[in-house]
PDB file of all heavy atoms in Angstrom:
ATOM      1  N   TYR A   1     -97.640  13.457 143.604  1.00  0.00           N
ATOM      2  CA  TYR A   1     -97.904  12.651 142.363  1.00  0.00           C
ATOM      3  C   TYR A   1     -96.980  11.341 142.543  1.00  0.00           C
ATOM      4  O   TYR A   1     -95.908  11.371 143.105  1.00  0.00           O
ATOM      5  CB  TYR A   1     -97.356  13.395 141.205  1.00  0.00           C
ATOM      6  CG  TYR A   1     -96.989  12.535 140.074  1.00  0.00           C
ATOM      7  CD1 TYR A   1     -97.983  12.064 139.087  1.00  0.00           C
ATOM      8  CD2 TYR A   1     -95.706  12.024 139.815  1.00  0.00           C
ATOM      9  CE1 TYR A   1     -97.607  11.376 138.078  1.00  0.00           C
ATOM     10  CE2 TYR A   1     -95.365  11.259 138.725  1.00  0.00           C
ATOM     11  CZ  TYR A   1     -96.369  10.889 137.771  1.00  0.00           C
ATOM     12  OH  TYR A   1     -95.959  10.042 136.857  1.00  0.00           O
ATOM     13  N   TYR A   2     -97.600  10.313 141.974  1.00  0.00           N
ATOM     14  CA  TYR A   2     -96.920   8.964 141.900  1.00  0.00           C
ATOM     15  C   TYR A   2     -97.013   8.412 140.424  1.00  0.00           C
ATOM     16  O   TYR A   2     -98.143   8.480 139.921  1.00  0.00           O
ATOM     17  CB  TYR A   2     -97.380   7.920 142.815  1.00  0.00           C
ATOM     18  CG  TYR A   2     -97.220   8.249 144.280  1.00  0.00           C
ATOM     19  CD1 TYR A   2     -98.257   8.681 145.167  1.00  0.00           C
ATOM     20  CD2 TYR A   2     -96.050   8.049 144.930  1.00  0.00           C
ATOM     21  CE1 TYR A   2     -98.011   9.006 146.421  1.00  0.00           C
ATOM     22  CE2 TYR A   2     -95.803   8.467 146.156  1.00  0.00           C
ATOM     23  CZ  TYR A   2     -96.792   8.860 146.983  1.00  0.00           C
ATOM     24  OH  TYR A   2     -96.595   9.204 148.325  1.00  0.00           O
ATOM     25  N   ALA A   3     -96.042   7.818 139.959  1.00  0.00           N
ATOM     26  CA  ALA A   3     -96.118   7.117 138.750  1.00  0.00           C
ATOM     27  C   ALA A   3     -97.031   5.845 138.952  1.00  0.00           C
ATOM     28  O   ALA A   3     -96.967   5.315 140.117  1.00  0.00           O
ATOM     29  CB  ALA A   3     -94.709   6.650 138.308  1.00  0.00           C
ATOM     30  N   ASP A   4     -97.819   5.451 137.984  1.00  0.00           N
ATOM     31  CA  ASP A   4     -98.686   4.303 138.124  1.00  0.00           C
ATOM     32  C   ASP A   4     -97.814   2.988 138.652  1.00  0.00           C
ATOM     33  O   ASP A   4     -98.432   2.256 139.341  1.00  0.00           O
ATOM     34  CB  ASP A   4     -99.306   3.999 136.819  1.00  0.00           C
ATOM     35  CG  ASP A   4    -100.386   4.999 136.530  1.00  0.00           C
ATOM     36  OD1 ASP A   4    -100.795   5.733 137.448  1.00  0.00           O
ATOM     37  OD2 ASP A   4    -100.723   5.106 135.344  1.00  0.00           O
ATOM     38  N   SER A   5     -96.667   2.887 138.170  1.00  0.00           N
ATOM     39  CA  SER A   5     -95.884   1.737 138.481  1.00  0.00           C
ATOM     40  C   SER A   5     -95.576   1.623 139.925  1.00  0.00           C
ATOM     41  O   SER A   5     -95.108   0.502 140.424  1.00  0.00           O
ATOM     42  CB  SER A   5     -94.570   1.689 137.586  1.00  0.00           C
ATOM     43  OG  SER A   5     -93.805   2.860 137.851  1.00  0.00           O
ATOM     44  N   VAL A   6     -95.665   2.728 140.734  1.00  0.00           N
ATOM     45  CA  VAL A   6     -95.230   2.585 142.208  1.00  0.00           C
ATOM     46  C   VAL A   6     -96.318   2.995 143.142  1.00  0.00           C
ATOM     47  O   VAL A   6     -96.269   2.928 144.333  1.00  0.00           O
ATOM     48  CB  VAL A   6     -94.100   3.475 142.421  1.00  0.00           C
ATOM     49  CG1 VAL A   6     -92.866   3.221 141.487  1.00  0.00           C
ATOM     50  CG2 VAL A   6     -94.483   5.035 142.387  1.00  0.00           C
ATOM     51  N   LYS A   7     -97.545   3.303 142.576  1.00  0.00           N
ATOM     52  CA  LYS A   7     -98.681   3.719 143.402  1.00  0.00           C
ATOM     53  C   LYS A   7     -99.018   2.591 144.272  1.00  0.00           C
ATOM     54  O   LYS A   7     -99.074   1.362 143.991  1.00  0.00           O
ATOM     55  CB  LYS A   7     -99.962   4.049 142.567  1.00  0.00           C
ATOM     56  CG  LYS A   7     -99.901   5.466 142.034  1.00  0.00           C
ATOM     57  CD  LYS A   7    -101.100   5.658 141.221  1.00  0.00           C
ATOM     58  CE  LYS A   7    -101.097   7.063 140.674  1.00  0.00           C
ATOM     59  NZ  LYS A   7    -102.325   7.237 139.686  1.00  0.00           N
ATOM     60  N   GLY A   8     -99.168   2.863 145.581  1.00  0.00           N
ATOM     61  CA  GLY A   8     -99.634   1.883 146.545  1.00  0.00           C
ATOM     62  C   GLY A   8     -98.384   1.224 147.236  1.00  0.00           C
ATOM     63  O   GLY A   8     -98.508   0.511 148.222  1.00  0.00           O
ATOM     64  N   ARG A   9     -97.202   1.427 146.628  1.00  0.00           N
ATOM     65  CA  ARG A   9     -95.906   0.722 147.283  1.00  0.00           C
ATOM     66  C   ARG A   9     -94.907   1.827 147.723  1.00  0.00           C
ATOM     67  O   ARG A   9     -94.245   1.631 148.697  1.00  0.00           O
ATOM     68  CB  ARG A   9     -95.397  -0.128 146.136  1.00  0.00           C
ATOM     69  CG  ARG A   9     -96.164  -1.156 145.561  1.00  0.00           C
ATOM     70  CD  ARG A   9     -95.282  -2.138 144.681  1.00  0.00           C
ATOM     71  NE  ARG A   9     -94.835  -1.477 143.514  1.00  0.00           N
ATOM     72  CZ  ARG A   9     -93.608  -1.333 143.240  1.00  0.00           C
ATOM     73  NH1 ARG A   9     -92.600  -1.936 143.913  1.00  0.00           N
ATOM     74  NH2 ARG A   9     -93.180  -0.633 142.074  1.00  0.00           N
ATOM     75  N   PHE A  10     -94.971   3.032 147.034  1.00  0.00           N
ATOM     76  CA  PHE A  10     -93.888   4.021 147.444  1.00  0.00           C
ATOM     77  C   PHE A  10     -94.661   5.115 148.054  1.00  0.00           C
ATOM     78  O   PHE A  10     -95.875   5.562 147.744  1.00  0.00           O
ATOM     79  CB  PHE A  10     -93.245   4.493 146.250  1.00  0.00           C
ATOM     80  CG  PHE A  10     -92.195   3.571 145.598  1.00  0.00           C
ATOM     81  CD1 PHE A  10     -92.192   2.236 145.910  1.00  0.00           C
ATOM     82  CD2 PHE A  10     -91.360   4.081 144.561  1.00  0.00           C
ATOM     83  CE1 PHE A  10     -91.262   1.357 145.347  1.00  0.00           C
ATOM     84  CE2 PHE A  10     -90.383   3.098 144.054  1.00  0.00           C
ATOM     85  CZ  PHE A  10     -90.304   1.799 144.422  1.00  0.00           C
ATOM     86  N   THR A  11     -93.974   5.790 148.949  1.00  0.00           N
ATOM     87  CA  THR A  11     -94.592   7.084 149.676  1.00  0.00           C
ATOM     88  C   THR A  11     -93.461   8.113 149.784  1.00  0.00           C
ATOM     89  O   THR A  11     -92.389   7.884 150.219  1.00  0.00           O
ATOM     90  CB  THR A  11     -94.990   6.705 151.131  1.00  0.00           C
ATOM     91  OG1 THR A  11     -96.013   5.770 150.967  1.00  0.00           O
ATOM     92  CG2 THR A  11     -95.627   7.907 151.628  1.00  0.00           C
ATOM     93  N   ILE A  12     -93.777   9.323 149.111  1.00  0.00           N
ATOM     94  CA  ILE A  12     -92.856  10.516 149.195  1.00  0.00           C
ATOM     95  C   ILE A  12     -93.333  11.353 150.293  1.00  0.00           C
ATOM     96  O   ILE A  12     -94.556  11.444 150.607  1.00  0.00           O
ATOM     97  CB  ILE A  12     -92.907  11.192 147.811  1.00  0.00           C
ATOM     98  CG1 ILE A  12     -91.785  12.234 147.842  1.00  0.00           C
ATOM     99  CG2 ILE A  12     -94.161  11.815 147.567  1.00  0.00           C
ATOM    100  CD1 ILE A  12     -91.472  12.915 146.479  1.00  0.00           C
ATOM    101  N   SER A  13     -92.409  11.935 150.933  1.00  0.00           N
ATOM    102  CA  SER A  13     -92.714  12.835 152.147  1.00  0.00           C
ATOM    103  C   SER A  13     -91.552  13.837 152.272  1.00  0.00           C
ATOM    104  O   SER A  13     -90.476  13.692 151.650  1.00  0.00           O
ATOM    105  CB  SER A  13     -92.961  12.104 153.509  1.00  0.00           C
ATOM    106  OG  SER A  13     -91.727  11.415 153.749  1.00  0.00           O
ATOM    107  N   ARG A  14     -91.820  14.972 152.932  1.00  0.00           N
ATOM    108  CA  ARG A  14     -90.769  15.953 153.109  1.00  0.00           C
ATOM    109  C   ARG A  14     -91.003  16.539 154.491  1.00  0.00           C
ATOM    110  O   ARG A  14     -92.008  16.536 155.068  1.00  0.00           O
ATOM    111  CB  ARG A  14     -90.897  17.013 152.031  1.00  0.00           C
ATOM    112  CG  ARG A  14     -92.177  17.899 152.137  1.00  0.00           C
ATOM    113  CD  ARG A  14     -92.212  18.798 150.947  1.00  0.00           C
ATOM    114  NE  ARG A  14     -91.158  19.757 150.814  1.00  0.00           N
ATOM    115  CZ  ARG A  14     -90.688  20.323 149.795  1.00  0.00           C
ATOM    116  NH1 ARG A  14     -91.311  20.035 148.617  1.00  0.00           N
ATOM    117  NH2 ARG A  14     -89.618  21.159 149.761  1.00  0.00           N
ATOM    118  N   ASP A  15     -89.807  16.939 155.085  1.00  0.00           N
ATOM    119  CA  ASP A  15     -89.745  17.613 156.372  1.00  0.00           C
ATOM    120  C   ASP A  15     -88.948  19.073 156.042  1.00  0.00           C
ATOM    121  O   ASP A  15     -87.809  19.013 155.893  1.00  0.00           O
ATOM    122  CB  ASP A  15     -88.991  16.806 157.279  1.00  0.00           C
ATOM    123  CG  ASP A  15     -88.860  17.485 158.683  1.00  0.00           C
ATOM    124  OD1 ASP A  15     -89.107  18.579 158.771  1.00  0.00           O
ATOM    125  OD2 ASP A  15     -88.715  16.609 159.672  1.00  0.00           O
ATOM    126  N   ASN A  16     -89.830  20.060 155.963  1.00  0.00           N
ATOM    127  CA  ASN A  16     -89.144  21.311 155.601  1.00  0.00           C
ATOM    128  C   ASN A  16     -88.394  21.868 156.699  1.00  0.00           C
ATOM    129  O   ASN A  16     -87.433  22.810 156.440  1.00  0.00           O
ATOM    130  CB  ASN A  16     -90.278  22.255 155.250  1.00  0.00           C
ATOM    131  CG  ASN A  16     -90.991  21.961 153.857  1.00  0.00           C
ATOM    132  OD1 ASN A  16     -90.283  21.339 153.085  1.00  0.00           O
ATOM    133  ND2 ASN A  16     -92.164  22.447 153.598  1.00  0.00           N
ATOM    134  N   ALA A  17     -88.573  21.461 157.902  1.00  0.00           N
ATOM    135  CA  ALA A  17     -87.784  22.056 159.032  1.00  0.00           C
ATOM    136  C   ALA A  17     -86.331  21.336 158.953  1.00  0.00           C
ATOM    137  O   ALA A  17     -85.365  21.935 159.457  1.00  0.00           O
ATOM    138  CB  ALA A  17     -88.327  21.715 160.355  1.00  0.00           C
ATOM    139  N   LYS A  18     -86.206  20.122 158.386  1.00  0.00           N
ATOM    140  CA  LYS A  18     -85.004  19.480 158.278  1.00  0.00           C
ATOM    141  C   LYS A  18     -84.359  19.600 156.917  1.00  0.00           C
ATOM    142  O   LYS A  18     -83.373  18.986 156.558  1.00  0.00           O
ATOM    143  CB  LYS A  18     -85.049  18.048 158.757  1.00  0.00           C
ATOM    144  CG  LYS A  18     -85.497  17.942 160.228  1.00  0.00           C
ATOM    145  CD  LYS A  18     -85.584  16.457 160.568  1.00  0.00           C
ATOM    146  CE  LYS A  18     -85.872  16.269 162.036  1.00  0.00           C
ATOM    147  NZ  LYS A  18     -86.068  14.822 162.475  1.00  0.00           N
ATOM    148  N   ASN A  19     -85.085  20.153 155.936  1.00  0.00           N
ATOM    149  CA  ASN A  19     -84.614  20.217 154.566  1.00  0.00           C
ATOM    150  C   ASN A  19     -84.384  18.871 154.007  1.00  0.00           C
ATOM    151  O   ASN A  19     -83.414  18.633 153.285  1.00  0.00           O
ATOM    152  CB  ASN A  19     -83.257  21.138 154.410  1.00  0.00           C
ATOM    153  CG  ASN A  19     -83.508  22.538 154.625  1.00  0.00           C
ATOM    154  OD1 ASN A  19     -84.621  23.002 155.036  1.00  0.00           O
ATOM    155  ND2 ASN A  19     -82.544  23.365 154.179  1.00  0.00           N
ATOM    156  N   THR A  20     -85.308  18.000 154.086  1.00  0.00           N
ATOM    157  CA  THR A  20     -85.196  16.623 153.594  1.00  0.00           C
ATOM    158  C   THR A  20     -86.512  16.218 152.899  1.00  0.00           C
ATOM    159  O   THR A  20     -87.506  16.582 153.152  1.00  0.00           O
ATOM    160  CB  THR A  20     -84.877  15.580 154.694  1.00  0.00           C
ATOM    161  OG1 THR A  20     -85.884  15.639 155.674  1.00  0.00           O
ATOM    162  CG2 THR A  20     -83.461  15.947 155.347  1.00  0.00           C
ATOM    163  N   VAL A  21     -86.279  15.311 151.942  1.00  0.00           N
ATOM    164  CA  VAL A  21     -87.451  14.718 151.236  1.00  0.00           C
ATOM    165  C   VAL A  21     -87.088  13.113 151.210  1.00  0.00           C
ATOM    166  O   VAL A  21     -85.892  12.789 151.072  1.00  0.00           O
ATOM    167  CB  VAL A  21     -87.661  15.204 149.808  1.00  0.00           C
ATOM    168  CG1 VAL A  21     -86.400  15.038 149.035  1.00  0.00           C
ATOM    169  CG2 VAL A  21     -88.817  14.533 149.178  1.00  0.00           C
ATOM    170  N   ASN A  22     -88.106  12.327 151.471  1.00  0.00           N
ATOM    171  CA  ASN A  22     -87.883  10.878 151.638  1.00  0.00           C
ATOM    172  C   ASN A  22     -88.688  10.187 150.689  1.00  0.00           C
ATOM    173  O   ASN A  22     -89.682  10.665 150.275  1.00  0.00           O
ATOM    174  CB  ASN A  22     -88.222  10.452 153.084  1.00  0.00           C
ATOM    175  CG  ASN A  22     -87.385  11.209 154.013  1.00  0.00           C
ATOM    176  OD1 ASN A  22     -86.149  11.245 154.108  1.00  0.00           O
ATOM    177  ND2 ASN A  22     -88.021  11.903 155.042  1.00  0.00           N
ATOM    178  N   LEU A  23     -88.232   8.973 150.334  1.00  0.00           N
ATOM    179  CA  LEU A  23     -88.978   8.041 149.517  1.00  0.00           C
ATOM    180  C   LEU A  23     -89.056   6.683 150.169  1.00  0.00           C
ATOM    181  O   LEU A  23     -87.936   6.011 150.246  1.00  0.00           O
ATOM    182  CB  LEU A  23     -88.377   7.998 148.038  1.00  0.00           C
ATOM    183  CG  LEU A  23     -89.299   7.162 147.172  1.00  0.00           C
ATOM    184  CD1 LEU A  23     -90.500   7.865 146.809  1.00  0.00           C
ATOM    185  CD2 LEU A  23     -88.489   6.822 145.872  1.00  0.00           C
ATOM    186  N   GLN A  24     -90.125   6.274 150.748  1.00  0.00           N
ATOM    187  CA  GLN A  24     -90.268   5.000 151.409  1.00  0.00           C
ATOM    188  C   GLN A  24     -90.700   3.920 150.391  1.00  0.00           C
ATOM    189  O   GLN A  24     -91.810   4.238 149.711  1.00  0.00           O
ATOM    190  CB  GLN A  24     -91.363   5.077 152.565  1.00  0.00           C
ATOM    191  CG  GLN A  24     -91.589   3.700 153.251  1.00  0.00           C
ATOM    192  CD  GLN A  24     -90.336   3.123 153.988  1.00  0.00           C
ATOM    193  OE1 GLN A  24     -89.603   3.902 154.664  1.00  0.00           O
ATOM    194  NE2 GLN A  24     -90.051   1.934 153.920  1.00  0.00           N
ATOM    195  N   MET A  25     -89.982   2.950 150.062  1.00  0.00           N
ATOM    196  CA  MET A  25     -90.311   1.999 149.001  1.00  0.00           C
ATOM    197  C   MET A  25     -90.564   0.709 149.729  1.00  0.00           C
ATOM    198  O   MET A  25     -89.670   0.049 150.327  1.00  0.00           O
ATOM    199  CB  MET A  25     -89.106   1.999 148.085  1.00  0.00           C
ATOM    200  CG  MET A  25     -88.731   3.219 147.488  1.00  0.00           C
ATOM    201  SD  MET A  25     -87.411   3.258 146.305  1.00  0.00           S
ATOM    202  CE  MET A  25     -86.015   2.505 147.218  1.00  0.00           C
ATOM    203  N   ASN A  26     -91.769   0.133 149.557  1.00  0.00           N
ATOM    204  CA  ASN A  26     -92.185  -1.066 150.000  1.00  0.00           C
ATOM    205  C   ASN A  26     -92.555  -2.114 148.956  1.00  0.00           C
ATOM    206  O   ASN A  26     -92.760  -1.580 147.738  1.00  0.00           O
ATOM    207  CB  ASN A  26     -93.385  -1.049 151.005  1.00  0.00           C
ATOM    208  CG  ASN A  26     -93.107  -0.043 152.148  1.00  0.00           C
ATOM    209  OD1 ASN A  26     -91.996   0.005 152.700  1.00  0.00           O
ATOM    210  ND2 ASN A  26     -94.073   0.650 152.666  1.00  0.00           N
ATOM    211  N   SER A  27     -92.614  -3.314 149.249  1.00  0.00           N
ATOM    212  CA  SER A  27     -92.944  -4.380 148.244  1.00  0.00           C
ATOM    213  C   SER A  27     -92.119  -4.170 146.926  1.00  0.00           C
ATOM    214  O   SER A  27     -92.620  -4.207 145.844  1.00  0.00           O
ATOM    215  CB  SER A  27     -94.474  -4.256 147.912  1.00  0.00           C
ATOM    216  OG  SER A  27     -95.231  -4.400 149.099  1.00  0.00           O
ATOM    217  N   LEU A  28     -90.906  -4.046 147.122  1.00  0.00           N
ATOM    218  CA  LEU A  28     -89.951  -3.820 146.009  1.00  0.00           C
ATOM    219  C   LEU A  28     -89.946  -5.020 145.010  1.00  0.00           C
ATOM    220  O   LEU A  28     -90.040  -6.166 145.572  1.00  0.00           O
ATOM    221  CB  LEU A  28     -88.559  -3.485 146.525  1.00  0.00           C
ATOM    222  CG  LEU A  28     -88.424  -2.043 147.107  1.00  0.00           C
ATOM    223  CD1 LEU A  28     -87.179  -1.922 147.873  1.00  0.00           C
ATOM    224  CD2 LEU A  28     -88.393  -1.053 145.907  1.00  0.00           C
ATOM    225  N   LYS A  29     -89.767  -4.659 143.757  1.00  0.00           N
ATOM    226  CA  LYS A  29     -89.735  -5.659 142.766  1.00  0.00           C
ATOM    227  C   LYS A  29     -88.416  -5.555 141.965  1.00  0.00           C
ATOM    228  O   LYS A  29     -87.800  -4.391 141.954  1.00  0.00           O
ATOM    229  CB  LYS A  29     -90.930  -5.402 141.799  1.00  0.00           C
ATOM    230  CG  LYS A  29     -92.254  -5.466 142.452  1.00  0.00           C
ATOM    231  CD  LYS A  29     -93.399  -5.065 141.443  1.00  0.00           C
ATOM    232  CE  LYS A  29     -94.703  -5.087 142.079  1.00  0.00           C
ATOM    233  NZ  LYS A  29     -95.748  -4.678 141.247  1.00  0.00           N
TER     234      LYS A  29
END
């Protein structure tokens, strides 16, 4: 899920083997 305000700019991902979740934020305002 993404909030409308960040769709197309942010990407959430997770690596369950490493117990991490990431948020890539592009075109920041």
